[in-house]
């Protein structure tokens, strides 16, 4: 028996900003940098996979692999580095990520908060 998925079925992958972007200063990055390290091998997400700079290529590859959805998170510490102060470049970046998804036939699915907090709130 052969079954087909409905054309509206979304299939893709997901990322979390802290895990893939690199260069984030939030409560988890503060925890990672403690000495002695709380992580057995001492690794951190400081560089991660540098998705913040490489998102366009990464998303293009997702489209080429047949994905039609991508769930990504917005890093609160990057968007609002101080209470009530918003980084317009960071906001534009996440808009660009969504636009790049759409340009590659991928539905952007946005997570507004994925476990990490800005240091000023933690």
PDB file of N, CA and C in Angstrom:
ATOM      1  N   UNK A   1       0.841  -1.166   0.000  1.00  0.00           N
ATOM      2  CA  UNK A   1       0.000   0.000   0.000  1.00  0.00           C
ATOM      3  C   UNK A   1       0.895   1.242   0.000  1.00  0.00           C
ATOM      4  N   UNK A   2       0.605   2.143  -0.883  1.00  0.00           N
ATOM      5  CA  UNK A   2       1.352   3.390  -0.968  1.00  0.00           C
ATOM      6  C   UNK A   2       0.491   4.517  -0.418  1.00  0.00           C
ATOM      7  N   UNK A   3       1.093   5.306   0.416  1.00  0.00           N
ATOM      8  CA  UNK A   3       0.394   6.478   0.960  1.00  0.00           C
ATOM      9  C   UNK A   3       1.189   7.721   0.597  1.00  0.00           C
ATOM     10  N   UNK A   4       0.481   8.755   0.334  1.00  0.00           N
ATOM     11  CA  UNK A   4       1.119  10.033   0.026  1.00  0.00           C
ATOM     12  C   UNK A   4       0.782  11.037   1.129  1.00  0.00           C
ATOM     13  N   UNK A   5       1.762  11.836   1.440  1.00  0.00           N
ATOM     14  CA  UNK A   5       1.520  12.906   2.410  1.00  0.00           C
ATOM     15  C   UNK A   5       0.752  14.023   1.720  1.00  0.00           C
ATOM     16  N   UNK A   6      -0.105  14.699   2.438  1.00  0.00           N
ATOM     17  CA  UNK A   6      -0.795  15.845   1.831  1.00  0.00           C
ATOM     18  C   UNK A   6       0.221  16.916   1.434  1.00  0.00           C
ATOM     19  N   UNK A   7      -0.083  17.647   0.391  1.00  0.00           N
ATOM     20  CA  UNK A   7       0.854  18.682  -0.074  1.00  0.00           C
ATOM     21  C   UNK A   7       1.088  19.754   0.987  1.00  0.00           C
ATOM     22  N   UNK A   8       0.162  19.881   1.924  1.00  0.00           N
ATOM     23  CA  UNK A   8       0.318  20.876   2.991  1.00  0.00           C
ATOM     24  C   UNK A   8       1.200  20.380   4.141  1.00  0.00           C
ATOM     25  N   UNK A   9       1.637  19.129   4.097  1.00  0.00           N
ATOM     26  CA  UNK A   9       2.448  18.550   5.168  1.00  0.00           C
ATOM     27  C   UNK A   9       3.824  19.208   5.188  1.00  0.00           C
ATOM     28  N   UNK A  10       4.216  19.716   6.347  1.00  0.00           N
ATOM     29  CA  UNK A  10       5.523  20.362   6.488  1.00  0.00           C
ATOM     30  C   UNK A  10       6.533  19.364   7.033  1.00  0.00           C
ATOM     31  N   UNK A  11       7.675  19.305   6.379  1.00  0.00           N
ATOM     32  CA  UNK A  11       8.750  18.442   6.859  1.00  0.00           C
ATOM     33  C   UNK A  11      10.062  19.216   6.737  1.00  0.00           C
ATOM     34  N   UNK A  12      10.821  19.191   7.790  1.00  0.00           N
ATOM     35  CA  UNK A  12      12.060  19.958   7.765  1.00  0.00           C
ATOM     36  C   UNK A  12      12.897  19.675   8.986  1.00  0.00           C
ATOM     37  N   UNK A  13      13.559  20.700   9.470  1.00  0.00           N
ATOM     38  CA  UNK A  13      14.420  20.546  10.638  1.00  0.00           C
ATOM     39  C   UNK A  13      14.273  21.775  11.530  1.00  0.00           C
ATOM     40  N   UNK A  14      14.963  21.719  12.648  1.00  0.00           N
ATOM     41  CA  UNK A  14      14.869  22.810  13.614  1.00  0.00           C
ATOM     42  C   UNK A  14      16.247  23.140  14.166  1.00  0.00           C
ATOM     43  N   UNK A  15      16.421  24.400  14.527  1.00  0.00           N
ATOM     44  CA  UNK A  15      17.650  24.835  15.186  1.00  0.00           C
ATOM     45  C   UNK A  15      17.276  25.687  16.396  1.00  0.00           C
ATOM     46  N   UNK A  16      18.208  25.794  17.308  1.00  0.00           N
ATOM     47  CA  UNK A  16      18.069  26.680  18.463  1.00  0.00           C
ATOM     48  C   UNK A  16      19.234  27.660  18.402  1.00  0.00           C
ATOM     49  N   UNK A  17      18.939  28.934  18.491  1.00  0.00           N
ATOM     50  CA  UNK A  17      19.958  29.969  18.321  1.00  0.00           C
ATOM     51  C   UNK A  17      21.217  29.700  19.138  1.00  0.00           C
ATOM     52  N   UNK A  18      21.065  29.400  20.408  1.00  0.00           N
ATOM     53  CA  UNK A  18      22.240  29.195  21.255  1.00  0.00           C
ATOM     54  C   UNK A  18      23.107  28.051  20.744  1.00  0.00           C
ATOM     55  N   UNK A  19      22.493  27.039  20.193  1.00  0.00           N
ATOM     56  CA  UNK A  19      23.226  25.853  19.763  1.00  0.00           C
ATOM     57  C   UNK A  19      23.921  26.020  18.420  1.00  0.00           C
ATOM     58  N   UNK A  20      23.455  26.949  17.571  1.00  0.00           N
ATOM     59  CA  UNK A  20      24.014  27.025  16.220  1.00  0.00           C
ATOM     60  C   UNK A  20      24.620  28.369  15.827  1.00  0.00           C
ATOM     61  N   UNK A  21      24.190  29.472  16.435  1.00  0.00           N
ATOM     62  CA  UNK A  21      24.606  30.786  15.945  1.00  0.00           C
ATOM     63  C   UNK A  21      26.019  31.187  16.318  1.00  0.00           C
ATOM     64  N   UNK A  22      26.410  30.976  17.537  1.00  0.00           N
ATOM     65  CA  UNK A  22      27.702  31.461  18.014  1.00  0.00           C
ATOM     66  C   UNK A  22      27.626  32.928  18.393  1.00  0.00           C
ATOM     67  N   UNK A  23      28.551  33.364  19.232  1.00  0.00           N
ATOM     68  CA  UNK A  23      28.659  34.765  19.604  1.00  0.00           C
ATOM     69  C   UNK A  23      27.522  35.315  20.437  1.00  0.00           C
ATOM     70  N   UNK A  24      26.929  34.493  21.263  1.00  0.00           N
ATOM     71  CA  UNK A  24      25.789  34.922  22.069  1.00  0.00           C
ATOM     72  C   UNK A  24      26.225  35.110  23.520  1.00  0.00           C
ATOM     73  N   UNK A  25      25.674  36.134  24.159  1.00  0.00           N
ATOM     74  CA  UNK A  25      25.972  36.390  25.570  1.00  0.00           C
ATOM     75  C   UNK A  25      24.673  36.284  26.361  1.00  0.00           C
ATOM     76  N   UNK A  26      24.369  35.070  26.819  1.00  0.00           N
ATOM     77  CA  UNK A  26      23.138  34.844  27.575  1.00  0.00           C
ATOM     78  C   UNK A  26      23.440  34.051  28.843  1.00  0.00           C
ATOM     79  N   UNK A  27      22.411  33.640  29.561  1.00  0.00           N
ATOM     80  CA  UNK A  27      22.635  32.909  30.810  1.00  0.00           C
ATOM     81  C   UNK A  27      23.347  31.571  30.594  1.00  0.00           C
ATOM     82  N   UNK A  28      23.088  30.908  29.478  1.00  0.00           N
ATOM     83  CA  UNK A  28      23.757  29.627  29.224  1.00  0.00           C
ATOM     84  C   UNK A  28      25.230  29.832  28.881  1.00  0.00           C
ATOM     85  N   UNK A  29      25.546  30.871  28.104  1.00  0.00           N
ATOM     86  CA  UNK A  29      26.956  31.106  27.771  1.00  0.00           C
ATOM     87  C   UNK A  29      27.735  31.471  29.028  1.00  0.00           C
ATOM     88  N   UNK A  30      27.099  32.198  29.944  1.00  0.00           N
ATOM     89  CA  UNK A  30      27.741  32.505  31.228  1.00  0.00           C
ATOM     90  C   UNK A  30      28.013  31.215  31.991  1.00  0.00           C
ATOM     91  N   UNK A  31      27.047  30.315  32.025  1.00  0.00           N
ATOM     92  CA  UNK A  31      27.200  29.021  32.704  1.00  0.00           C
ATOM     93  C   UNK A  31      28.316  28.198  32.054  1.00  0.00           C
ATOM     94  N   UNK A  32      28.361  28.190  30.718  1.00  0.00           N
ATOM     95  CA  UNK A  32      29.380  27.407  30.002  1.00  0.00           C
ATOM     96  C   UNK A  32      30.800  27.877  30.309  1.00  0.00           C
ATOM     97  N   UNK A  33      30.965  29.188  30.533  1.00  0.00           N
ATOM     98  CA  UNK A  33      32.309  29.753  30.731  1.00  0.00           C
ATOM     99  C   UNK A  33      32.808  29.664  32.169  1.00  0.00           C
ATOM    100  N   UNK A  34      32.025  29.101  33.069  1.00  0.00           N
ATOM    101  CA  UNK A  34      32.474  28.965  34.457  1.00  0.00           C
ATOM    102  C   UNK A  34      33.766  28.155  34.519  1.00  0.00           C
ATOM    103  N   UNK A  35      34.570  28.467  35.525  1.00  0.00           N
ATOM    104  CA  UNK A  35      35.795  27.697  35.774  1.00  0.00           C
ATOM    105  C   UNK A  35      35.760  27.187  37.196  1.00  0.00           C
ATOM    106  N   UNK A  36      35.962  25.929  37.427  1.00  0.00           N
ATOM    107  CA  UNK A  36      36.165  24.912  36.397  1.00  0.00           C
ATOM    108  C   UNK A  36      34.885  24.707  35.589  1.00  0.00           C
ATOM    109  N   UNK A  37      35.065  24.258  34.362  1.00  0.00           N
ATOM    110  CA  UNK A  37      33.936  24.094  33.450  1.00  0.00           C
ATOM    111  C   UNK A  37      32.933  23.067  33.966  1.00  0.00           C
ATOM    112  N   UNK A  38      31.652  23.389  33.875  1.00  0.00           N
ATOM    113  CA  UNK A  38      30.630  22.417  34.262  1.00  0.00           C
ATOM    114  C   UNK A  38      30.420  21.353  33.180  1.00  0.00           C
ATOM    115  N   UNK A  39      31.082  21.529  32.039  1.00  0.00           N
ATOM    116  CA  UNK A  39      30.948  20.598  30.913  1.00  0.00           C
ATOM    117  C   UNK A  39      32.190  19.722  30.877  1.00  0.00           C
ATOM    118  N   UNK A  40      32.001  18.425  30.797  1.00  0.00           N
ATOM    119  CA  UNK A  40      33.102  17.458  30.917  1.00  0.00           C
ATOM    120  C   UNK A  40      34.291  17.787  30.026  1.00  0.00           C
ATOM    121  N   UNK A  41      34.053  18.124  28.759  1.00  0.00           N
ATOM    122  CA  UNK A  41      35.183  18.390  27.863  1.00  0.00           C
ATOM    123  C   UNK A  41      35.512  19.876  27.751  1.00  0.00           C
ATOM    124  N   UNK A  42      34.810  20.726  28.514  1.00  0.00           N
ATOM    125  CA  UNK A  42      35.094  22.161  28.521  1.00  0.00           C
ATOM    126  C   UNK A  42      34.582  22.918  27.307  1.00  0.00           C
ATOM    127  N   UNK A  43      33.821  22.275  26.449  1.00  0.00           N
ATOM    128  CA  UNK A  43      33.349  22.943  25.236  1.00  0.00           C
ATOM    129  C   UNK A  43      32.277  23.989  25.560  1.00  0.00           C
ATOM    130  N   UNK A  44      32.127  24.932  24.646  1.00  0.00           N
ATOM    131  CA  UNK A  44      31.094  25.964  24.757  1.00  0.00           C
ATOM    132  C   UNK A  44      30.447  26.139  23.381  1.00  0.00           C
ATOM    133  N   UNK A  45      29.393  26.913  23.339  1.00  0.00           N
ATOM    134  CA  UNK A  45      28.740  27.231  22.070  1.00  0.00           C
ATOM    135  C   UNK A  45      29.227  28.583  21.541  1.00  0.00           C
ATOM    136  N   UNK A  46      30.377  29.047  22.019  1.00  0.00           N
ATOM    137  CA  UNK A  46      30.888  30.369  21.635  1.00  0.00           C
ATOM    138  C   UNK A  46      30.923  30.555  20.116  1.00  0.00           C
ATOM    139  N   UNK A  47      31.452  29.567  19.402  1.00  0.00           N
ATOM    140  CA  UNK A  47      31.471  29.653  17.938  1.00  0.00           C
ATOM    141  C   UNK A  47      30.333  28.849  17.321  1.00  0.00           C
ATOM    142  N   UNK A  48      29.902  27.815  18.019  1.00  0.00           N
ATOM    143  CA  UNK A  48      28.855  26.922  17.516  1.00  0.00           C
ATOM    144  C   UNK A  48      29.200  26.516  16.080  1.00  0.00           C
ATOM    145  N   UNK A  49      28.238  26.591  15.171  1.00  0.00           N
ATOM    146  CA  UNK A  49      28.547  26.296  13.767  1.00  0.00           C
ATOM    147  C   UNK A  49      28.485  27.572  12.927  1.00  0.00           C
ATOM    148  N   UNK A  50      28.471  28.722  13.619  1.00  0.00           N
ATOM    149  CA  UNK A  50      28.479  30.039  12.976  1.00  0.00           C
ATOM    150  C   UNK A  50      27.311  30.234  12.007  1.00  0.00           C
ATOM    151  N   UNK A  51      26.175  29.665  12.384  1.00  0.00           N
ATOM    152  CA  UNK A  51      24.973  29.778  11.556  1.00  0.00           C
ATOM    153  C   UNK A  51      24.517  31.228  11.406  1.00  0.00           C
ATOM    154  N   UNK A  52      24.806  32.075  12.383  1.00  0.00           N
ATOM    155  CA  UNK A  52      24.398  33.479  12.293  1.00  0.00           C
ATOM    156  C   UNK A  52      24.957  34.107  11.020  1.00  0.00           C
ATOM    157  N   UNK A  53      26.195  33.792  10.691  1.00  0.00           N
ATOM    158  CA  UNK A  53      26.831  34.335   9.492  1.00  0.00           C
ATOM    159  C   UNK A  53      26.562  33.489   8.248  1.00  0.00           C
ATOM    160  N   UNK A  54      26.273  32.205   8.422  1.00  0.00           N
ATOM    161  CA  UNK A  54      26.158  31.282   7.290  1.00  0.00           C
ATOM    162  C   UNK A  54      24.730  30.856   6.983  1.00  0.00           C
ATOM    163  N   UNK A  55      23.757  31.494   7.602  1.00  0.00           N
ATOM    164  CA  UNK A  55      22.373  31.018   7.487  1.00  0.00           C
ATOM    165  C   UNK A  55      21.901  30.885   6.046  1.00  0.00           C
ATOM    166  N   UNK A  56      22.307  31.797   5.182  1.00  0.00           N
ATOM    167  CA  UNK A  56      21.835  31.764   3.800  1.00  0.00           C
ATOM    168  C   UNK A  56      22.242  30.462   3.104  1.00  0.00           C
ATOM    169  N   UNK A  57      23.507  30.104   3.224  1.00  0.00           N
ATOM    170  CA  UNK A  57      23.977  28.842   2.633  1.00  0.00           C
ATOM    171  C   UNK A  57      23.304  27.645   3.286  1.00  0.00           C
ATOM    172  N   UNK A  58      23.166  27.688   4.607  1.00  0.00           N
ATOM    173  CA  UNK A  58      22.533  26.578   5.325  1.00  0.00           C
ATOM    174  C   UNK A  58      21.096  26.372   4.850  1.00  0.00           C
ATOM    175  N   UNK A  59      20.350  27.449   4.714  1.00  0.00           N
ATOM    176  CA  UNK A  59      18.949  27.357   4.306  1.00  0.00           C
ATOM    177  C   UNK A  59      18.840  26.903   2.855  1.00  0.00           C
ATOM    178  N   UNK A  60      19.725  27.377   2.016  1.00  0.00           N
ATOM    179  CA  UNK A  60      19.732  26.926   0.622  1.00  0.00           C
ATOM    180  C   UNK A  60      19.927  25.408   0.550  1.00  0.00           C
ATOM    181  N   UNK A  61      20.802  24.890   1.386  1.00  0.00           N
ATOM    182  CA  UNK A  61      21.017  23.439   1.417  1.00  0.00           C
ATOM    183  C   UNK A  61      19.779  22.695   1.910  1.00  0.00           C
ATOM    184  N   UNK A  62      19.060  23.276   2.863  1.00  0.00           N
ATOM    185  CA  UNK A  62      17.824  22.647   3.338  1.00  0.00           C
ATOM    186  C   UNK A  62      16.816  22.531   2.202  1.00  0.00           C
ATOM    187  N   UNK A  63      16.658  23.608   1.444  1.00  0.00           N
ATOM    188  CA  UNK A  63      15.740  23.579   0.308  1.00  0.00           C
ATOM    189  C   UNK A  63      16.157  22.539  -0.715  1.00  0.00           C
ATOM    190  N   UNK A  64      17.462  22.462  -0.969  1.00  0.00           N
ATOM    191  CA  UNK A  64      17.977  21.474  -1.910  1.00  0.00           C
ATOM    192  C   UNK A  64      17.765  20.046  -1.444  1.00  0.00           C
ATOM    193  N   UNK A  65      17.650  19.867  -0.134  1.00  0.00           N
ATOM    194  CA  UNK A  65      17.433  18.527   0.430  1.00  0.00           C
ATOM    195  C   UNK A  65      15.945  18.175   0.507  1.00  0.00           C
ATOM    196  N   UNK A  66      15.085  19.078   0.041  1.00  0.00           N
ATOM    197  CA  UNK A  66      13.658  18.797   0.021  1.00  0.00           C
ATOM    198  C   UNK A  66      12.873  19.260   1.231  1.00  0.00           C
ATOM    199  N   UNK A  67      13.499  19.999   2.110  1.00  0.00           N
ATOM    200  CA  UNK A  67      12.771  20.514   3.275  1.00  0.00           C
ATOM    201  C   UNK A  67      11.802  21.606   2.823  1.00  0.00           C
ATOM    202  N   UNK A  68      10.642  21.652   3.450  1.00  0.00           N
ATOM    203  CA  UNK A  68       9.720  22.749   3.160  1.00  0.00           C
ATOM    204  C   UNK A  68       9.344  23.517   4.433  1.00  0.00           C
ATOM    205  N   UNK A  69      10.055  23.227   5.534  1.00  0.00           N
ATOM    206  CA  UNK A  69       9.836  23.943   6.795  1.00  0.00           C
ATOM    207  C   UNK A  69      11.154  24.032   7.564  1.00  0.00           C
ATOM    208  N   UNK A  70      11.306  25.128   8.274  1.00  0.00           N
ATOM    209  CA  UNK A  70      12.483  25.284   9.140  1.00  0.00           C
ATOM    210  C   UNK A  70      12.057  26.038  10.390  1.00  0.00           C
ATOM    211  N   UNK A  71      12.211  25.375  11.537  1.00  0.00           N
ATOM    212  CA  UNK A  71      11.910  26.015  12.813  1.00  0.00           C
ATOM    213  C   UNK A  71      13.212  26.561  13.367  1.00  0.00           C
ATOM    214  N   UNK A  72      13.239  27.847  13.644  1.00  0.00           N
ATOM    215  CA  UNK A  72      14.426  28.472  14.225  1.00  0.00           C
ATOM    216  C   UNK A  72      14.001  29.369  15.369  1.00  0.00           C
ATOM    217  N   UNK A  73      14.932  29.607  16.279  1.00  0.00           N
ATOM    218  CA  UNK A  73      14.604  30.459  17.419  1.00  0.00           C
ATOM    219  C   UNK A  73      15.271  31.820  17.284  1.00  0.00           C
ATOM    220  N   UNK A  74      14.637  32.788  17.894  1.00  0.00           N
ATOM    221  CA  UNK A  74      15.164  34.147  17.974  1.00  0.00           C
ATOM    222  C   UNK A  74      15.864  34.257  19.325  1.00  0.00           C
ATOM    223  N   UNK A  75      17.130  34.644  19.302  1.00  0.00           N
ATOM    224  CA  UNK A  75      17.901  34.754  20.546  1.00  0.00           C
ATOM    225  C   UNK A  75      17.577  36.075  21.234  1.00  0.00           C
ATOM    226  N   UNK A  76      16.844  35.981  22.319  1.00  0.00           N
ATOM    227  CA  UNK A  76      16.389  37.160  23.063  1.00  0.00           C
ATOM    228  C   UNK A  76      17.562  38.037  23.481  1.00  0.00           C
ATOM    229  N   UNK A  77      18.652  37.441  23.946  1.00  0.00           N
ATOM    230  CA  UNK A  77      19.814  38.219  24.399  1.00  0.00           C
ATOM    231  C   UNK A  77      20.437  39.026  23.265  1.00  0.00           C
ATOM    232  N   UNK A  78      20.279  38.568  22.043  1.00  0.00           N
ATOM    233  CA  UNK A  78      20.825  39.290  20.891  1.00  0.00           C
ATOM    234  C   UNK A  78      19.870  40.417  20.477  1.00  0.00           C
ATOM    235  N   UNK A  79      18.582  40.152  20.528  1.00  0.00           N
ATOM    236  CA  UNK A  79      17.576  41.116  20.095  1.00  0.00           C
ATOM    237  C   UNK A  79      17.378  42.241  21.108  1.00  0.00           C
ATOM    238  N   UNK A  80      17.430  41.895  22.407  1.00  0.00           N
ATOM    239  CA  UNK A  80      17.259  42.892  23.478  1.00  0.00           C
ATOM    240  C   UNK A  80      18.431  42.757  24.451  1.00  0.00           C
ATOM    241  N   UNK A  81      19.603  43.276  24.069  1.00  0.00           N
ATOM    242  CA  UNK A  81      20.797  43.084  24.898  1.00  0.00           C
ATOM    243  C   UNK A  81      20.741  43.764  26.267  1.00  0.00           C
ATOM    244  N   UNK A  82      19.937  44.809  26.388  1.00  0.00           N
ATOM    245  CA  UNK A  82      19.708  45.505  27.664  1.00  0.00           C
ATOM    246  C   UNK A  82      18.209  45.721  27.793  1.00  0.00           C
ATOM    247  N   UNK A  83      17.706  45.839  29.015  1.00  0.00           N
ATOM    248  CA  UNK A  83      16.267  46.003  29.192  1.00  0.00           C
ATOM    249  C   UNK A  83      15.709  47.175  28.374  1.00  0.00           C
ATOM    250  N   UNK A  84      14.763  46.880  27.500  1.00  0.00           N
ATOM    251  CA  UNK A  84      14.118  47.915  26.702  1.00  0.00           C
ATOM    252  C   UNK A  84      14.931  48.456  25.549  1.00  0.00           C
ATOM    253  N   UNK A  85      16.146  47.947  25.342  1.00  0.00           N
ATOM    254  CA  UNK A  85      17.011  48.392  24.249  1.00  0.00           C
ATOM    255  C   UNK A  85      17.046  47.279  23.207  1.00  0.00           C
ATOM    256  N   UNK A  86      16.549  47.579  22.001  1.00  0.00           N
ATOM    257  CA  UNK A  86      16.465  46.568  20.957  1.00  0.00           C
ATOM    258  C   UNK A  86      17.510  46.821  19.883  1.00  0.00           C
ATOM    259  N   UNK A  87      18.117  45.756  19.412  1.00  0.00           N
ATOM    260  CA  UNK A  87      19.164  45.816  18.398  1.00  0.00           C
ATOM    261  C   UNK A  87      18.514  45.662  17.025  1.00  0.00           C
ATOM    262  N   UNK A  88      18.419  46.758  16.282  1.00  0.00           N
ATOM    263  CA  UNK A  88      17.733  46.722  14.987  1.00  0.00           C
ATOM    264  C   UNK A  88      18.443  45.813  13.989  1.00  0.00           C
ATOM    265  N   UNK A  89      19.761  45.714  14.060  1.00  0.00           N
ATOM    266  CA  UNK A  89      20.485  44.812  13.152  1.00  0.00           C
ATOM    267  C   UNK A  89      20.122  43.357  13.439  1.00  0.00           C
ATOM    268  N   UNK A  90      19.985  43.010  14.698  1.00  0.00           N
ATOM    269  CA  UNK A  90      19.598  41.640  15.058  1.00  0.00           C
ATOM    270  C   UNK A  90      18.173  41.351  14.591  1.00  0.00           C
ATOM    271  N   UNK A  91      17.272  42.302  14.761  1.00  0.00           N
ATOM    272  CA  UNK A  91      15.897  42.119  14.294  1.00  0.00           C
ATOM    273  C   UNK A  91      15.859  41.943  12.780  1.00  0.00           C
ATOM    274  N   UNK A  92      16.636  42.763  12.057  1.00  0.00           N
ATOM    275  CA  UNK A  92      16.718  42.620  10.594  1.00  0.00           C
ATOM    276  C   UNK A  92      17.260  41.248  10.219  1.00  0.00           C
ATOM    277  N   UNK A  93      18.253  40.778  10.978  1.00  0.00           N
ATOM    278  CA  UNK A  93      18.840  39.469  10.699  1.00  0.00           C
ATOM    279  C   UNK A  93      17.769  38.379  10.715  1.00  0.00           C
ATOM    280  N   UNK A  94      16.958  38.348  11.759  1.00  0.00           N
ATOM    281  CA  UNK A  94      15.940  37.302  11.851  1.00  0.00           C
ATOM    282  C   UNK A  94      14.874  37.460  10.769  1.00  0.00           C
ATOM    283  N   UNK A  95      14.575  38.692  10.367  1.00  0.00           N
ATOM    284  CA  UNK A  95      13.684  38.898   9.216  1.00  0.00           C
ATOM    285  C   UNK A  95      14.328  38.345   7.950  1.00  0.00           C
ATOM    286  N   UNK A  96      15.635  38.560   7.797  1.00  0.00           N
ATOM    287  CA  UNK A  96      16.359  38.022   6.641  1.00  0.00           C
ATOM    288  C   UNK A  96      16.346  36.498   6.631  1.00  0.00           C
ATOM    289  N   UNK A  97      16.456  35.889   7.801  1.00  0.00           N
ATOM    290  CA  UNK A  97      16.387  34.424   7.884  1.00  0.00           C
ATOM    291  C   UNK A  97      15.031  33.953   7.364  1.00  0.00           C
ATOM    292  N   UNK A  98      13.953  34.588   7.814  1.00  0.00           N
ATOM    293  CA  UNK A  98      12.610  34.205   7.365  1.00  0.00           C
ATOM    294  C   UNK A  98      12.452  34.428   5.861  1.00  0.00           C
ATOM    295  N   UNK A  99      12.945  35.554   5.354  1.00  0.00           N
ATOM    296  CA  UNK A  99      12.864  35.826   3.913  1.00  0.00           C
ATOM    297  C   UNK A  99      13.656  34.799   3.108  1.00  0.00           C
ATOM    298  N   UNK A 100      14.820  34.427   3.616  1.00  0.00           N
ATOM    299  CA  UNK A 100      15.649  33.441   2.925  1.00  0.00           C
ATOM    300  C   UNK A 100      14.955  32.087   2.905  1.00  0.00           C
ATOM    301  N   UNK A 101      14.293  31.743   3.986  1.00  0.00           N
ATOM    302  CA  UNK A 101      13.501  30.502   3.997  1.00  0.00           C
ATOM    303  C   UNK A 101      12.467  30.551   2.883  1.00  0.00           C
ATOM    304  N   UNK A 102      11.679  31.604   2.858  1.00  0.00           N
ATOM    305  CA  UNK A 102      10.612  31.719   1.854  1.00  0.00           C
ATOM    306  C   UNK A 102      11.178  31.685   0.435  1.00  0.00           C
ATOM    307  N   UNK A 103      12.314  32.346   0.213  1.00  0.00           N
ATOM    308  CA  UNK A 103      12.924  32.362  -1.120  1.00  0.00           C
ATOM    309  C   UNK A 103      13.373  30.972  -1.562  1.00  0.00           C
ATOM    310  N   UNK A 104      13.553  30.074  -0.610  1.00  0.00           N
ATOM    311  CA  UNK A 104      13.978  28.708  -0.914  1.00  0.00           C
ATOM    312  C   UNK A 104      12.834  27.704  -0.776  1.00  0.00           C
ATOM    313  N   UNK A 105      11.589  28.201  -0.769  1.00  0.00           N
ATOM    314  CA  UNK A 105      10.431  27.320  -0.692  1.00  0.00           C
ATOM    315  C   UNK A 105      10.236  26.673   0.665  1.00  0.00           C
ATOM    316  N   UNK A 106      10.725  27.336   1.700  1.00  0.00           N
ATOM    317  CA  UNK A 106      10.681  26.791   3.061  1.00  0.00           C
ATOM    318  C   UNK A 106       9.807  27.690   3.929  1.00  0.00           C
ATOM    319  N   UNK A 107       8.883  27.080   4.650  1.00  0.00           N
ATOM    320  CA  UNK A 107       8.023  27.827   5.567  1.00  0.00           C
ATOM    321  C   UNK A 107       8.789  28.100   6.864  1.00  0.00           C
ATOM    322  N   UNK A 108       9.020  29.366   7.214  1.00  0.00           N
ATOM    323  CA  UNK A 108       9.692  29.654   8.483  1.00  0.00           C
ATOM    324  C   UNK A 108       8.728  29.453   9.657  1.00  0.00           C
ATOM    325  N   UNK A 109       9.197  28.769  10.676  1.00  0.00           N
ATOM    326  CA  UNK A 109       8.423  28.554  11.897  1.00  0.00           C
ATOM    327  C   UNK A 109       9.289  29.106  13.027  1.00  0.00           C
ATOM    328  N   UNK A 110       8.836  30.165  13.666  1.00  0.00           N
ATOM    329  CA  UNK A 110       9.681  30.909  14.600  1.00  0.00           C
ATOM    330  C   UNK A 110       9.352  30.577  16.057  1.00  0.00           C
ATOM    331  N   UNK A 111      10.404  30.265  16.814  1.00  0.00           N
ATOM    332  CA  UNK A 111      10.296  30.085  18.259  1.00  0.00           C
ATOM    333  C   UNK A 111      10.811  31.368  18.899  1.00  0.00           C
ATOM    334  N   UNK A 112       9.982  32.013  19.685  1.00  0.00           N
ATOM    335  CA  UNK A 112      10.387  33.290  20.278  1.00  0.00           C
ATOM    336  C   UNK A 112      11.259  33.137  21.509  1.00  0.00           C
ATOM    337  N   UNK A 113      11.156  32.028  22.204  1.00  0.00           N
ATOM    338  CA  UNK A 113      11.996  31.829  23.388  1.00  0.00           C
ATOM    339  C   UNK A 113      12.332  30.352  23.501  1.00  0.00           C
ATOM    340  N   UNK A 114      13.613  30.042  23.414  1.00  0.00           N
ATOM    341  CA  UNK A 114      14.054  28.644  23.443  1.00  0.00           C
ATOM    342  C   UNK A 114      15.037  28.432  24.595  1.00  0.00           C
ATOM    343  N   UNK A 115      14.561  28.519  25.802  1.00  0.00           N
ATOM    344  CA  UNK A 115      15.271  28.191  27.037  1.00  0.00           C
ATOM    345  C   UNK A 115      16.279  29.219  27.534  1.00  0.00           C
ATOM    346  N   UNK A 116      17.011  29.899  26.675  1.00  0.00           N
ATOM    347  CA  UNK A 116      18.022  30.840  27.163  1.00  0.00           C
ATOM    348  C   UNK A 116      17.389  32.191  27.493  1.00  0.00           C
ATOM    349  N   UNK A 117      18.060  32.918  28.381  1.00  0.00           N
ATOM    350  CA  UNK A 117      17.607  34.252  28.785  1.00  0.00           C
ATOM    351  C   UNK A 117      18.759  35.243  28.671  1.00  0.00           C
ATOM    352  N   UNK A 118      18.444  36.519  28.417  1.00  0.00           N
ATOM    353  CA  UNK A 118      19.501  37.526  28.484  1.00  0.00           C
ATOM    354  C   UNK A 118      20.081  37.537  29.902  1.00  0.00           C
ATOM    355  N   UNK A 119      21.367  37.832  30.019  1.00  0.00           N
ATOM    356  CA  UNK A 119      21.988  37.859  31.353  1.00  0.00           C
ATOM    357  C   UNK A 119      21.305  38.860  32.274  1.00  0.00           C
ATOM    358  N   UNK A 120      20.813  39.965  31.720  1.00  0.00           N
ATOM    359  CA  UNK A 120      20.179  40.983  32.559  1.00  0.00           C
ATOM    360  C   UNK A 120      18.869  40.493  33.176  1.00  0.00           C
ATOM    361  N   UNK A 121      18.293  39.439  32.640  1.00  0.00           N
ATOM    362  CA  UNK A 121      17.042  38.919  33.170  1.00  0.00           C
ATOM    363  C   UNK A 121      17.243  37.676  34.029  1.00  0.00           C
ATOM    364  N   UNK A 122      18.298  36.951  33.747  1.00  0.00           N
ATOM    365  CA  UNK A 122      18.520  35.663  34.431  1.00  0.00           C
ATOM    366  C   UNK A 122      18.844  35.846  35.905  1.00  0.00           C
TER     367      UNK A 122
END
